[in-house]
Amino acid sequence: MNSRTATVRKAMSNNREFRQSRFQPPPGACEILLVRHGESAPHVEGESFPLVDGHGDPPLAPDGHAQAELAAERLIATGEQIAAVYVTSLQRTRQTAQPLLDRIGLEARVEPDLREVFLGDWEGGEFRKRVADGDPLALEMRAAQRWDVIPNGEPADDFERRVRAGIERIAAAHPDEVVVAVVHGGVIGQIVNIAAGTSGFTFVGADNASISHIVVDGHQWIVRCFNDTSHLTPTFSTAG
């Protein structure tokens, strides 16, 4: 090896290297693990779910309780230090959170602004029947990708505003922490819409007991994961 080659190699060996790095939340950001509640009790034609502040409030079905256990096991297995667990004012979220709360020794915190979108005249279980029957308004709702096609349904702007406010409150209370929020399918879709800058039903359809992951850093919301069901059995991961 001549002296010139040796000099070049020595210079190259002193060059700085920049490896690809794993994602790290920005300082002060809050990581929120969004869990959709487990499968709730079926709607029986001619009957209505009990209402809480106008919202249908069915309990979990037996499969929903099993899904809640699996979700809790998965969240524990991540090894994350969970600072808080949030639920809504509707019982299916608290019931889904309970196995996790029992394992980590925390009490649920209620964030009422993350309750499900208000379905107007179709509350109490009527929504499920209308969709299953192919009601013309249900088809119009799907085509327009707006919940407020439903008579007296919650206006889209109002829904987005309250969901944003609920997430911002949680994030402000937990800088540099990881929290779990057990919420609803429509709410998860709205949260991810806000983060991704999308609209309509782009992210509607999170499965029962699925886990989605966002990072909230002030006005920037980062989507890390949507609708993870790897902890569920095939039957559970396709349940409605």
C-alpha atoms as a PDB file:
ATOM      1  CA  MET A   1       0.000   0.000   0.000  1.00  0.00           C
ATOM      2  CA  ASN A   2       1.487   3.347  -1.003  1.00  0.00           C
ATOM      3  CA  SER A   3       1.438   6.368   1.266  1.00  0.00           C
ATOM      4  CA  ARG A   4      -1.307   8.152  -0.720  1.00  0.00           C
ATOM      5  CA  THR A   5      -3.720   5.184  -0.363  1.00  0.00           C
ATOM      6  CA  ALA A   6      -2.975   4.909   3.334  1.00  0.00           C
ATOM      7  CA  THR A   7      -3.663   8.629   3.813  1.00  0.00           C
ATOM      8  CA  VAL A   8      -7.018   8.396   1.982  1.00  0.00           C
ATOM      9  CA  ARG A   9      -8.111   5.384   4.006  1.00  0.00           C
ATOM     10  CA  LYS A  10      -7.144   7.050   7.256  1.00  0.00           C
ATOM     11  CA  ALA A  11      -9.148  10.145   6.311  1.00  0.00           C
ATOM     12  CA  MET A  12     -12.147   8.002   5.406  1.00  0.00           C
ATOM     13  CA  SER A  13     -11.969   6.159   8.696  1.00  0.00           C
ATOM     14  CA  ASN A  14     -12.326   9.471  10.517  1.00  0.00           C
ATOM     15  CA  ASN A  15     -15.523  10.430   8.680  1.00  0.00           C
ATOM     16  CA  ARG A  16     -18.629  10.620  10.841  1.00  0.00           C
ATOM     17  CA  GLU A  17     -21.272   7.948  10.301  1.00  0.00           C
ATOM     18  CA  PHE A  18     -25.022   8.557  10.503  1.00  0.00           C
ATOM     19  CA  ARG A  19     -27.083   5.454  11.075  1.00  0.00           C
ATOM     20  CA  GLN A  20     -30.822   5.279  10.616  1.00  0.00           C
ATOM     21  CA  SER A  21     -32.428   5.850  13.998  1.00  0.00           C
ATOM     22  CA  ARG A  22     -35.703   4.777  15.557  1.00  0.00           C
ATOM     23  CA  PHE A  23     -38.492   7.278  16.061  1.00  0.00           C
ATOM     24  CA  GLN A  24     -38.321   9.273  19.261  1.00  0.00           C
ATOM     25  CA  PRO A  25     -41.186  11.482  20.430  1.00  0.00           C
ATOM     26  CA  PRO A  26     -40.267  15.167  20.493  1.00  0.00           C
ATOM     27  CA  PRO A  27     -39.496  16.536  23.975  1.00  0.00           C
ATOM     28  CA  GLY A  28     -42.709  17.390  25.788  1.00  0.00           C
ATOM     29  CA  ALA A  29     -44.908  15.297  23.484  1.00  0.00           C
ATOM     30  CA  CYS A  30     -47.569  12.915  24.757  1.00  0.00           C
ATOM     31  CA  GLU A  31     -48.006   9.404  23.365  1.00  0.00           C
ATOM     32  CA  ILE A  32     -51.605   8.221  23.348  1.00  0.00           C
ATOM     33  CA  LEU A  33     -52.519   4.582  22.809  1.00  0.00           C
ATOM     34  CA  LEU A  34     -56.083   4.625  21.504  1.00  0.00           C
ATOM     35  CA  VAL A  35     -58.042   1.458  22.268  1.00  0.00           C
ATOM     36  CA  ARG A  36     -61.461   0.934  20.778  1.00  0.00           C
ATOM     37  CA  HIS A  37     -63.844  -0.623  23.294  1.00  0.00           C
ATOM     38  CA  GLY A  38     -64.627  -4.318  23.021  1.00  0.00           C
ATOM     39  CA  GLU A  39     -67.681  -5.595  21.193  1.00  0.00           C
ATOM     40  CA  SER A  40     -70.849  -4.314  22.866  1.00  0.00           C
ATOM     41  CA  ALA A  41     -74.148  -6.091  23.371  1.00  0.00           C
ATOM     42  CA  PRO A  42     -76.308  -6.606  20.256  1.00  0.00           C
ATOM     43  CA  HIS A  43     -79.242  -4.368  19.516  1.00  0.00           C
ATOM     44  CA  VAL A  44     -82.551  -6.218  19.689  1.00  0.00           C
ATOM     45  CA  GLU A  45     -85.169  -4.952  17.257  1.00  0.00           C
ATOM     46  CA  GLY A  46     -87.993  -3.175  19.039  1.00  0.00           C
ATOM     47  CA  GLU A  47     -85.863  -2.391  22.081  1.00  0.00           C
ATOM     48  CA  SER A  48     -83.438   0.420  22.857  1.00  0.00           C
ATOM     49  CA  PHE A  49     -80.153   0.617  24.657  1.00  0.00           C
ATOM     50  CA  PRO A  50     -80.210   2.708  27.841  1.00  0.00           C
ATOM     51  CA  LEU A  51     -79.135   6.272  27.147  1.00  0.00           C
ATOM     52  CA  VAL A  52     -76.537   8.440  28.881  1.00  0.00           C
ATOM     53  CA  ASP A  53     -76.814  12.104  27.917  1.00  0.00           C
ATOM     54  CA  GLY A  54     -78.684  10.945  24.829  1.00  0.00           C
ATOM     55  CA  HIS A  55     -76.043   8.424  23.759  1.00  0.00           C
ATOM     56  CA  GLY A  56     -76.718   4.700  23.547  1.00  0.00           C
ATOM     57  CA  ASP A  57     -74.942   2.980  26.440  1.00  0.00           C
ATOM     58  CA  PRO A  58     -74.858  -0.789  25.902  1.00  0.00           C
ATOM     59  CA  PRO A  59     -72.566  -2.928  28.065  1.00  0.00           C
ATOM     60  CA  LEU A  60     -69.903  -5.182  26.625  1.00  0.00           C
ATOM     61  CA  ALA A  61     -70.943  -8.502  25.137  1.00  0.00           C
ATOM     62  CA  PRO A  62     -69.163 -11.640  26.446  1.00  0.00           C
ATOM     63  CA  ASP A  63     -66.772 -11.481  23.476  1.00  0.00           C
ATOM     64  CA  GLY A  64     -66.118  -7.851  24.335  1.00  0.00           C
ATOM     65  CA  HIS A  65     -64.924  -8.806  27.812  1.00  0.00           C
ATOM     66  CA  ALA A  66     -62.586 -11.396  26.294  1.00  0.00           C
ATOM     67  CA  GLN A  67     -61.247  -8.793  23.867  1.00  0.00           C
ATOM     68  CA  ALA A  68     -60.640  -6.399  26.764  1.00  0.00           C
ATOM     69  CA  GLU A  69     -58.470  -9.004  28.487  1.00  0.00           C
ATOM     70  CA  LEU A  70     -56.410  -9.513  25.332  1.00  0.00           C
ATOM     71  CA  ALA A  71     -55.951  -5.782  24.857  1.00  0.00           C
ATOM     72  CA  ALA A  72     -54.782  -5.422  28.461  1.00  0.00           C
ATOM     73  CA  GLU A  73     -52.251  -8.224  28.017  1.00  0.00           C
ATOM     74  CA  ARG A  74     -50.910  -6.578  24.873  1.00  0.00           C
ATOM     75  CA  LEU A  75     -50.565  -3.162  26.509  1.00  0.00           C
ATOM     76  CA  ILE A  76     -48.731  -4.662  29.472  1.00  0.00           C
ATOM     77  CA  ALA A  77     -46.455  -6.617  27.142  1.00  0.00           C
ATOM     78  CA  THR A  78     -45.242  -3.433  25.449  1.00  0.00           C
ATOM     79  CA  GLY A  79     -43.349  -2.585  28.615  1.00  0.00           C
ATOM     80  CA  GLU A  80     -44.497   1.036  28.427  1.00  0.00           C
ATOM     81  CA  GLN A  81     -44.888   2.934  31.676  1.00  0.00           C
ATOM     82  CA  ILE A  82     -48.546   3.934  31.417  1.00  0.00           C
ATOM     83  CA  ALA A  83     -49.157   7.186  33.281  1.00  0.00           C
ATOM     84  CA  ALA A  84     -52.956   7.268  33.018  1.00  0.00           C
ATOM     85  CA  VAL A  85     -55.941   5.478  31.521  1.00  0.00           C
ATOM     86  CA  TYR A  86     -58.787   7.554  30.128  1.00  0.00           C
ATOM     87  CA  VAL A  87     -62.321   6.394  29.373  1.00  0.00           C
ATOM     88  CA  THR A  88     -65.492   8.162  28.274  1.00  0.00           C
ATOM     89  CA  SER A  89     -68.833   8.568  30.013  1.00  0.00           C
ATOM     90  CA  LEU A  90     -70.144   5.392  28.324  1.00  0.00           C
ATOM     91  CA  GLN A  91     -69.844   2.097  30.178  1.00  0.00           C
ATOM     92  CA  ARG A  92     -68.371   0.012  27.368  1.00  0.00           C
ATOM     93  CA  THR A  93     -65.132   2.014  27.545  1.00  0.00           C
ATOM     94  CA  ARG A  94     -64.774   1.650  31.305  1.00  0.00           C
ATOM     95  CA  GLN A  95     -65.518  -2.086  31.090  1.00  0.00           C
ATOM     96  CA  THR A  96     -62.866  -2.461  28.386  1.00  0.00           C
ATOM     97  CA  ALA A  97     -60.317  -0.535  30.450  1.00  0.00           C
ATOM     98  CA  GLN A  98     -60.966  -2.480  33.666  1.00  0.00           C
ATOM     99  CA  PRO A  99     -58.630  -5.456  33.041  1.00  0.00           C
ATOM    100  CA  LEU A 100     -55.773  -3.035  32.336  1.00  0.00           C
ATOM    101  CA  LEU A 101     -56.621  -0.899  35.361  1.00  0.00           C
ATOM    102  CA  ASP A 102     -56.648  -4.011  37.562  1.00  0.00           C
ATOM    103  CA  ARG A 103     -53.182  -4.987  36.332  1.00  0.00           C
ATOM    104  CA  ILE A 104     -51.478  -1.614  36.728  1.00  0.00           C
ATOM    105  CA  GLY A 105     -53.313  -0.332  39.786  1.00  0.00           C
ATOM    106  CA  LEU A 106     -54.684   2.910  38.359  1.00  0.00           C
ATOM    107  CA  GLU A 107     -58.117   4.490  38.469  1.00  0.00           C
ATOM    108  CA  ALA A 108     -59.823   5.468  35.210  1.00  0.00           C
ATOM    109  CA  ARG A 109     -60.043   9.146  34.318  1.00  0.00           C
ATOM    110  CA  VAL A 110     -63.108  10.286  32.380  1.00  0.00           C
ATOM    111  CA  GLU A 111     -62.752  12.512  29.305  1.00  0.00           C
ATOM    112  CA  PRO A 112     -66.373  13.148  28.264  1.00  0.00           C
ATOM    113  CA  ASP A 113     -65.450  14.942  25.043  1.00  0.00           C
ATOM    114  CA  LEU A 114     -64.165  11.654  23.625  1.00  0.00           C
ATOM    115  CA  ARG A 115     -67.592   9.998  23.793  1.00  0.00           C
ATOM    116  CA  GLU A 116     -68.876   8.586  20.510  1.00  0.00           C
ATOM    117  CA  VAL A 117     -70.351  10.790  17.787  1.00  0.00           C
ATOM    118  CA  PHE A 118     -73.993  11.570  18.565  1.00  0.00           C
ATOM    119  CA  LEU A 119     -76.229   9.659  16.157  1.00  0.00           C
ATOM    120  CA  GLY A 120     -79.337  11.794  16.602  1.00  0.00           C
ATOM    121  CA  ASP A 121     -82.569   9.965  15.820  1.00  0.00           C
ATOM    122  CA  TRP A 122     -80.616   6.743  15.344  1.00  0.00           C
ATOM    123  CA  GLU A 123     -79.293   6.479  18.890  1.00  0.00           C
ATOM    124  CA  GLY A 124     -80.134   3.576  21.186  1.00  0.00           C
ATOM    125  CA  GLY A 125     -79.236   0.906  18.614  1.00  0.00           C
ATOM    126  CA  GLU A 126     -81.314   2.185  15.685  1.00  0.00           C
ATOM    127  CA  PHE A 127     -78.126   3.015  13.775  1.00  0.00           C
ATOM    128  CA  ARG A 128     -77.150  -0.652  13.580  1.00  0.00           C
ATOM    129  CA  LYS A 129     -80.538  -1.656  12.228  1.00  0.00           C
ATOM    130  CA  ARG A 130     -80.587   1.106   9.607  1.00  0.00           C
ATOM    131  CA  VAL A 131     -77.141   0.207   8.347  1.00  0.00           C
ATOM    132  CA  ALA A 132     -77.886  -3.524   8.274  1.00  0.00           C
ATOM    133  CA  ASP A 133     -81.143  -2.917   6.368  1.00  0.00           C
ATOM    134  CA  GLY A 134     -79.503  -0.677   3.770  1.00  0.00           C
ATOM    135  CA  ASP A 135     -81.641   2.312   4.708  1.00  0.00           C
ATOM    136  CA  PRO A 136     -81.388   5.001   1.982  1.00  0.00           C
ATOM    137  CA  LEU A 137     -80.162   7.557   4.515  1.00  0.00           C
ATOM    138  CA  ALA A 138     -77.523   5.109   5.707  1.00  0.00           C
ATOM    139  CA  LEU A 139     -76.338   4.750   2.124  1.00  0.00           C
ATOM    140  CA  GLU A 140     -76.343   8.529   1.728  1.00  0.00           C
ATOM    141  CA  MET A 141     -74.338   8.861   4.955  1.00  0.00           C
ATOM    142  CA  ARG A 142     -71.750   6.449   3.622  1.00  0.00           C
ATOM    143  CA  ALA A 143     -71.546   8.200   0.262  1.00  0.00           C
ATOM    144  CA  ALA A 144     -71.262  11.656   1.836  1.00  0.00           C
ATOM    145  CA  GLN A 145     -68.922  10.353   4.566  1.00  0.00           C
ATOM    146  CA  ARG A 146     -70.717  12.475   7.162  1.00  0.00           C
ATOM    147  CA  TRP A 147     -72.404  11.359  10.367  1.00  0.00           C
ATOM    148  CA  ASP A 148     -74.646  14.414  10.308  1.00  0.00           C
ATOM    149  CA  VAL A 149     -76.630  13.045   7.380  1.00  0.00           C
ATOM    150  CA  ILE A 150     -78.459  11.178  10.139  1.00  0.00           C
ATOM    151  CA  PRO A 151     -81.480  13.209  11.288  1.00  0.00           C
ATOM    152  CA  ASN A 152     -80.375  15.370  14.236  1.00  0.00           C
ATOM    153  CA  GLY A 153     -76.924  13.814  14.124  1.00  0.00           C
ATOM    154  CA  GLU A 154     -73.977  15.721  15.544  1.00  0.00           C
ATOM    155  CA  PRO A 155     -72.643  18.354  13.113  1.00  0.00           C
ATOM    156  CA  ALA A 156     -69.244  17.410  11.719  1.00  0.00           C
ATOM    157  CA  ASP A 157     -67.557  20.608  12.878  1.00  0.00           C
ATOM    158  CA  ASP A 158     -68.881  20.181  16.414  1.00  0.00           C
ATOM    159  CA  PHE A 159     -67.664  16.591  16.563  1.00  0.00           C
ATOM    160  CA  GLU A 160     -64.185  17.506  15.348  1.00  0.00           C
ATOM    161  CA  ARG A 161     -63.978  20.436  17.758  1.00  0.00           C
ATOM    162  CA  ARG A 162     -64.805  18.441  20.876  1.00  0.00           C
ATOM    163  CA  VAL A 163     -62.610  15.477  19.947  1.00  0.00           C
ATOM    164  CA  ARG A 164     -59.682  17.816  19.319  1.00  0.00           C
ATOM    165  CA  ALA A 165     -60.318  19.517  22.675  1.00  0.00           C
ATOM    166  CA  GLY A 166     -60.391  16.187  24.510  1.00  0.00           C
ATOM    167  CA  ILE A 167     -57.082  15.039  23.023  1.00  0.00           C
ATOM    168  CA  GLU A 168     -55.449  18.416  23.664  1.00  0.00           C
ATOM    169  CA  ARG A 169     -56.450  18.269  27.330  1.00  0.00           C
ATOM    170  CA  ILE A 170     -54.979  14.807  27.730  1.00  0.00           C
ATOM    171  CA  ALA A 171     -51.745  15.788  25.965  1.00  0.00           C
ATOM    172  CA  ALA A 172     -51.368  18.957  28.036  1.00  0.00           C
ATOM    173  CA  ALA A 173     -51.698  16.938  31.241  1.00  0.00           C
ATOM    174  CA  HIS A 174     -49.077  14.342  30.242  1.00  0.00           C
ATOM    175  CA  PRO A 175     -45.959  15.788  28.595  1.00  0.00           C
ATOM    176  CA  ASP A 176     -43.271  13.151  28.033  1.00  0.00           C
ATOM    177  CA  GLU A 177     -45.673  10.405  29.143  1.00  0.00           C
ATOM    178  CA  VAL A 178     -47.589   7.493  27.630  1.00  0.00           C
ATOM    179  CA  VAL A 179     -51.314   7.240  28.291  1.00  0.00           C
ATOM    180  CA  VAL A 180     -54.101   4.914  27.191  1.00  0.00           C
ATOM    181  CA  ALA A 181     -57.465   6.263  26.019  1.00  0.00           C
ATOM    182  CA  VAL A 182     -60.253   3.711  25.634  1.00  0.00           C
ATOM    183  CA  VAL A 183     -62.697   5.318  23.231  1.00  0.00           C
ATOM    184  CA  HIS A 184     -65.005   4.654  20.256  1.00  0.00           C
ATOM    185  CA  GLY A 185     -64.636   3.793  16.585  1.00  0.00           C
ATOM    186  CA  GLY A 186     -65.948   7.105  15.282  1.00  0.00           C
ATOM    187  CA  VAL A 187     -63.712   8.995  17.696  1.00  0.00           C
ATOM    188  CA  ILE A 188     -60.602   7.091  16.629  1.00  0.00           C
ATOM    189  CA  GLY A 189     -61.445   7.825  13.001  1.00  0.00           C
ATOM    190  CA  GLN A 190     -61.794  11.536  13.797  1.00  0.00           C
ATOM    191  CA  ILE A 191     -58.527  11.655  15.771  1.00  0.00           C
ATOM    192  CA  VAL A 192     -56.555  10.051  12.973  1.00  0.00           C
ATOM    193  CA  ASN A 193     -58.264  12.340  10.446  1.00  0.00           C
ATOM    194  CA  ILE A 194     -57.034  15.344  12.414  1.00  0.00           C
ATOM    195  CA  ALA A 195     -53.523  13.934  12.609  1.00  0.00           C
ATOM    196  CA  ALA A 196     -53.357  12.959   8.938  1.00  0.00           C
ATOM    197  CA  GLY A 197     -55.147  15.998   7.541  1.00  0.00           C
ATOM    198  CA  THR A 198     -57.848  13.806   6.021  1.00  0.00           C
ATOM    199  CA  SER A 199     -61.605  13.957   6.344  1.00  0.00           C
ATOM    200  CA  GLY A 200     -64.781  11.906   6.164  1.00  0.00           C
ATOM    201  CA  PHE A 201     -64.658   8.170   6.775  1.00  0.00           C
ATOM    202  CA  THR A 202     -61.040   7.637   5.717  1.00  0.00           C
ATOM    203  CA  PHE A 203     -60.191   6.004   9.039  1.00  0.00           C
ATOM    204  CA  VAL A 204     -63.593   4.696  10.067  1.00  0.00           C
ATOM    205  CA  GLY A 205     -63.598   1.001  10.867  1.00  0.00           C
ATOM    206  CA  ALA A 206     -61.168   0.468  13.748  1.00  0.00           C
ATOM    207  CA  ASP A 207     -61.889  -3.017  15.077  1.00  0.00           C
ATOM    208  CA  ASN A 208     -63.150  -3.696  18.587  1.00  0.00           C
ATOM    209  CA  ALA A 209     -60.219  -3.762  21.048  1.00  0.00           C
ATOM    210  CA  SER A 210     -57.798  -2.606  18.353  1.00  0.00           C
ATOM    211  CA  ILE A 211     -54.912  -0.330  19.307  1.00  0.00           C
ATOM    212  CA  SER A 212     -53.928   2.828  17.454  1.00  0.00           C
ATOM    213  CA  HIS A 213     -51.038   5.091  18.447  1.00  0.00           C
ATOM    214  CA  ILE A 214     -50.604   8.830  18.068  1.00  0.00           C
ATOM    215  CA  VAL A 215     -48.018  11.290  19.340  1.00  0.00           C
ATOM    216  CA  VAL A 216     -49.278  14.769  20.171  1.00  0.00           C
ATOM    217  CA  ASP A 217     -46.683  17.517  20.064  1.00  0.00           C
ATOM    218  CA  GLY A 218     -48.581  20.797  20.306  1.00  0.00           C
ATOM    219  CA  HIS A 219     -50.353  21.345  17.009  1.00  0.00           C
ATOM    220  CA  GLN A 220     -48.544  18.436  15.371  1.00  0.00           C
ATOM    221  CA  TRP A 221     -50.203  15.053  15.739  1.00  0.00           C
ATOM    222  CA  ILE A 222     -48.184  12.096  14.446  1.00  0.00           C
ATOM    223  CA  VAL A 223     -49.786   8.765  13.525  1.00  0.00           C
ATOM    224  CA  ARG A 224     -47.601   5.846  14.572  1.00  0.00           C
ATOM    225  CA  CYS A 225     -50.120   3.003  14.169  1.00  0.00           C
ATOM    226  CA  PHE A 226     -53.748   2.464  13.189  1.00  0.00           C
ATOM    227  CA  ASN A 227     -56.000  -0.513  14.002  1.00  0.00           C
ATOM    228  CA  ASP A 228     -53.441  -2.981  15.327  1.00  0.00           C
ATOM    229  CA  THR A 229     -55.286  -6.251  16.036  1.00  0.00           C
ATOM    230  CA  SER A 230     -52.311  -8.606  16.234  1.00  0.00           C
ATOM    231  CA  HIS A 231     -53.204  -9.423  19.854  1.00  0.00           C
ATOM    232  CA  LEU A 232     -56.693 -10.635  18.902  1.00  0.00           C
ATOM    233  CA  THR A 233     -57.804 -13.999  17.531  1.00  0.00           C
ATOM    234  CA  PRO A 234     -58.975 -14.010  13.896  1.00  0.00           C
ATOM    235  CA  THR A 235     -62.602 -14.184  15.074  1.00  0.00           C
ATOM    236  CA  PHE A 236     -62.206 -11.201  17.364  1.00  0.00           C
ATOM    237  CA  SER A 237     -60.249  -9.104  14.871  1.00  0.00           C
ATOM    238  CA  THR A 238     -63.093  -9.258  12.357  1.00  0.00           C
ATOM    239  CA  ALA A 239     -65.949  -8.700  14.787  1.00  0.00           C
ATOM    240  CA  GLY A 240     -68.206  -5.715  14.124  1.00  0.00           C
END
